[in-house]
Amino acid sequence: MNGASAPRVGEWTSGVAELGGAEIPLSGKVIRVIDIAGKRRVTVELDLLIDDYVAVLEGYLTRVQLLDILV
């Protein structure tokens, strides 16, 4: 968010997720905002993604899960 205020619960928000070299646009409804030790955590219920972006996200999640197992 780089200094911007956190979105409020119930608001619609959008942004770009950088997933290890690939970028995909995301949007959705904010369902929770938590401030833990000065860091904001925002939970977003995502809108549907275009199939091409779903494949990128699934590939990224698979790689992250494999790294978790190997470490």
N, C-alpha and C. Protein backbone atom coordinates (compact mmCIF):
# COMPACT_ATOMS: atom_id res chain seq x y z
N MET A 1 0.81 -1.19 0.00
CA MET A 1 0.00 0.00 0.00
C MET A 1 0.85 1.26 0.00
N ASN A 2 2.09 1.15 0.37
CA ASN A 2 3.03 2.28 0.28
C ASN A 2 2.49 3.59 0.82
N GLY A 3 2.10 3.60 2.08
CA GLY A 3 1.65 4.84 2.70
C GLY A 3 0.18 5.16 2.49
N ALA A 4 -0.45 4.48 1.59
CA ALA A 4 -1.88 4.72 1.36
C ALA A 4 -2.68 4.11 2.51
N SER A 5 -3.85 4.66 2.75
CA SER A 5 -4.67 4.10 3.82
C SER A 5 -5.25 2.76 3.39
N ALA A 6 -5.46 1.90 4.36
CA ALA A 6 -6.01 0.58 4.06
C ALA A 6 -7.46 0.71 3.63
N PRO A 7 -7.91 -0.14 2.72
CA PRO A 7 -9.33 -0.11 2.37
C PRO A 7 -10.18 -0.53 3.56
N ARG A 8 -11.42 -0.10 3.57
CA ARG A 8 -12.33 -0.43 4.67
C ARG A 8 -13.09 -1.71 4.37
N VAL A 9 -13.53 -2.36 5.42
CA VAL A 9 -14.33 -3.58 5.28
C VAL A 9 -15.57 -3.26 4.47
N GLY A 10 -15.87 -4.11 3.50
CA GLY A 10 -17.03 -3.93 2.64
C GLY A 10 -16.72 -3.20 1.35
N GLU A 11 -15.57 -2.54 1.26
CA GLU A 11 -15.20 -1.83 0.04
C GLU A 11 -14.68 -2.81 -1.01
N TRP A 12 -14.82 -2.40 -2.26
CA TRP A 12 -14.24 -3.15 -3.37
C TRP A 12 -12.87 -2.57 -3.63
N THR A 13 -11.89 -3.42 -3.87
CA THR A 13 -10.53 -2.95 -4.12
C THR A 13 -9.92 -3.74 -5.27
N SER A 14 -8.88 -3.19 -5.84
CA SER A 14 -8.18 -3.88 -6.93
C SER A 14 -6.70 -3.59 -6.84
N GLY A 15 -5.91 -4.43 -7.46
CA GLY A 15 -4.46 -4.25 -7.45
C GLY A 15 -3.81 -5.28 -8.34
N VAL A 16 -2.50 -5.32 -8.27
CA VAL A 16 -1.72 -6.27 -9.07
C VAL A 16 -0.87 -7.10 -8.11
N ALA A 17 -0.94 -8.43 -8.26
CA ALA A 17 -0.12 -9.33 -7.45
C ALA A 17 1.12 -9.70 -8.25
N GLU A 18 2.29 -9.55 -7.62
CA GLU A 18 3.54 -9.94 -8.26
C GLU A 18 3.92 -11.31 -7.72
N LEU A 19 3.89 -12.31 -8.59
CA LEU A 19 4.05 -13.70 -8.18
C LEU A 19 5.35 -14.28 -8.73
N GLY A 20 6.45 -13.88 -8.18
CA GLY A 20 7.73 -14.46 -8.61
C GLY A 20 8.03 -14.21 -10.07
N GLY A 21 7.83 -13.01 -10.53
CA GLY A 21 8.13 -12.67 -11.92
C GLY A 21 6.90 -12.46 -12.78
N ALA A 22 5.80 -13.08 -12.43
CA ALA A 22 4.55 -12.89 -13.17
C ALA A 22 3.65 -11.93 -12.40
N GLU A 23 2.90 -11.14 -13.12
CA GLU A 23 1.97 -10.22 -12.49
C GLU A 23 0.55 -10.53 -12.96
N ILE A 24 -0.39 -10.52 -12.01
CA ILE A 24 -1.79 -10.73 -12.40
C ILE A 24 -2.65 -9.69 -11.69
N PRO A 25 -3.66 -9.19 -12.40
CA PRO A 25 -4.58 -8.23 -11.77
C PRO A 25 -5.57 -8.98 -10.87
N LEU A 26 -5.84 -8.40 -9.71
CA LEU A 26 -6.78 -8.97 -8.76
C LEU A 26 -7.78 -7.90 -8.34
N SER A 27 -8.98 -8.33 -8.01
CA SER A 27 -9.97 -7.42 -7.46
C SER A 27 -10.88 -8.22 -6.55
N GLY A 28 -11.57 -7.51 -5.66
CA GLY A 28 -12.48 -8.21 -4.76
C GLY A 28 -12.98 -7.31 -3.65
N LYS A 29 -13.73 -7.92 -2.74
CA LYS A 29 -14.35 -7.22 -1.63
C LYS A 29 -13.53 -7.45 -0.36
N VAL A 30 -13.24 -6.37 0.36
CA VAL A 30 -12.49 -6.46 1.60
C VAL A 30 -13.41 -7.03 2.68
N ILE A 31 -12.98 -8.13 3.32
CA ILE A 31 -13.81 -8.73 4.36
C ILE A 31 -13.21 -8.59 5.75
N ARG A 32 -11.89 -8.20 5.83
CA ARG A 32 -11.28 -8.02 7.15
C ARG A 32 -10.02 -7.17 7.00
N VAL A 33 -9.82 -6.26 7.96
CA VAL A 33 -8.59 -5.47 8.04
C VAL A 33 -8.09 -5.57 9.47
N ILE A 34 -6.85 -6.02 9.66
CA ILE A 34 -6.26 -6.19 10.98
C ILE A 34 -4.95 -5.42 11.03
N ASP A 35 -4.69 -4.76 12.15
CA ASP A 35 -3.42 -4.07 12.36
C ASP A 35 -2.65 -4.84 13.43
N ILE A 36 -1.55 -5.49 13.02
CA ILE A 36 -0.74 -6.28 13.95
C ILE A 36 0.66 -5.65 14.00
N ALA A 37 1.01 -5.15 15.16
CA ALA A 37 2.34 -4.55 15.38
C ALA A 37 2.66 -3.51 14.31
N GLY A 38 1.69 -2.69 13.97
CA GLY A 38 1.91 -1.61 13.01
C GLY A 38 1.84 -2.03 11.56
N LYS A 39 1.58 -3.31 11.28
CA LYS A 39 1.47 -3.79 9.90
C LYS A 39 0.02 -4.16 9.61
N ARG A 40 -0.49 -3.67 8.50
CA ARG A 40 -1.88 -3.95 8.13
C ARG A 40 -1.99 -5.27 7.38
N ARG A 41 -2.96 -6.04 7.76
CA ARG A 41 -3.29 -7.30 7.07
C ARG A 41 -4.70 -7.16 6.53
N VAL A 42 -4.86 -7.32 5.23
CA VAL A 42 -6.16 -7.16 4.59
C VAL A 42 -6.57 -8.49 3.97
N THR A 43 -7.76 -8.97 4.30
CA THR A 43 -8.30 -10.18 3.70
C THR A 43 -9.32 -9.77 2.64
N VAL A 44 -9.13 -10.30 1.42
CA VAL A 44 -9.99 -9.93 0.30
C VAL A 44 -10.64 -11.18 -0.28
N GLU A 45 -11.94 -11.12 -0.48
CA GLU A 45 -12.67 -12.19 -1.18
C GLU A 45 -12.55 -11.88 -2.66
N LEU A 46 -11.74 -12.66 -3.37
CA LEU A 46 -11.41 -12.34 -4.75
C LEU A 46 -12.57 -12.56 -5.72
N ASP A 47 -12.64 -11.68 -6.72
CA ASP A 47 -13.55 -11.88 -7.84
C ASP A 47 -12.99 -13.02 -8.69
N LEU A 48 -13.80 -13.51 -9.62
CA LEU A 48 -13.33 -14.56 -10.53
C LEU A 48 -12.18 -14.04 -11.38
N LEU A 49 -11.24 -14.95 -11.69
CA LEU A 49 -10.10 -14.60 -12.52
C LEU A 49 -10.28 -15.15 -13.93
N ILE A 50 -9.65 -14.51 -14.88
CA ILE A 50 -9.59 -15.02 -16.25
C ILE A 50 -8.76 -16.31 -16.22
N ASP A 51 -9.12 -17.30 -17.06
CA ASP A 51 -8.47 -18.61 -17.04
C ASP A 51 -6.95 -18.53 -17.11
N ASP A 52 -6.42 -17.65 -17.94
CA ASP A 52 -4.96 -17.52 -18.07
C ASP A 52 -4.34 -17.11 -16.73
N TYR A 53 -5.00 -16.23 -16.00
CA TYR A 53 -4.49 -15.79 -14.70
C TYR A 53 -4.64 -16.88 -13.65
N VAL A 54 -5.69 -17.69 -13.77
CA VAL A 54 -5.88 -18.81 -12.84
C VAL A 54 -4.70 -19.77 -12.97
N ALA A 55 -4.28 -20.04 -14.20
CA ALA A 55 -3.16 -20.95 -14.44
C ALA A 55 -1.87 -20.40 -13.82
N VAL A 56 -1.63 -19.10 -13.95
CA VAL A 56 -0.44 -18.48 -13.37
C VAL A 56 -0.49 -18.59 -11.84
N LEU A 57 -1.63 -18.27 -11.24
CA LEU A 57 -1.79 -18.33 -9.79
C LEU A 57 -1.62 -19.76 -9.28
N GLU A 58 -2.22 -20.74 -9.96
CA GLU A 58 -2.09 -22.13 -9.54
C GLU A 58 -0.64 -22.60 -9.63
N GLY A 59 0.06 -22.20 -10.69
CA GLY A 59 1.47 -22.55 -10.83
C GLY A 59 2.30 -21.97 -9.71
N TYR A 60 2.04 -20.72 -9.37
CA TYR A 60 2.76 -20.06 -8.28
C TYR A 60 2.50 -20.77 -6.95
N LEU A 61 1.24 -21.06 -6.66
CA LEU A 61 0.89 -21.72 -5.40
C LEU A 61 1.53 -23.11 -5.31
N THR A 62 1.60 -23.82 -6.41
CA THR A 62 2.24 -25.13 -6.44
C THR A 62 3.72 -25.00 -6.11
N ARG A 63 4.40 -24.02 -6.71
CA ARG A 63 5.83 -23.81 -6.43
C ARG A 63 6.05 -23.46 -4.96
N VAL A 64 5.21 -22.60 -4.41
CA VAL A 64 5.36 -22.20 -3.01
C VAL A 64 5.14 -23.39 -2.09
N GLN A 65 4.16 -24.23 -2.39
CA GLN A 65 3.91 -25.40 -1.56
C GLN A 65 5.08 -26.38 -1.63
N LEU A 66 5.68 -26.54 -2.81
CA LEU A 66 6.84 -27.43 -2.94
C LEU A 66 8.03 -26.89 -2.15
N LEU A 67 8.22 -25.58 -2.18
CA LEU A 67 9.31 -24.99 -1.41
C LEU A 67 9.10 -25.20 0.08
N ASP A 68 7.86 -25.14 0.53
CA ASP A 68 7.54 -25.36 1.94
C ASP A 68 7.91 -26.79 2.35
N ILE A 69 7.69 -27.74 1.47
CA ILE A 69 8.00 -29.14 1.76
C ILE A 69 9.51 -29.35 1.78
N LEU A 70 10.23 -28.73 0.85
CA LEU A 70 11.66 -28.93 0.74
C LEU A 70 12.46 -28.25 1.85
N VAL A 71 11.92 -27.18 2.38
CA VAL A 71 12.65 -26.43 3.41
C VAL A 71 12.40 -27.02 4.73
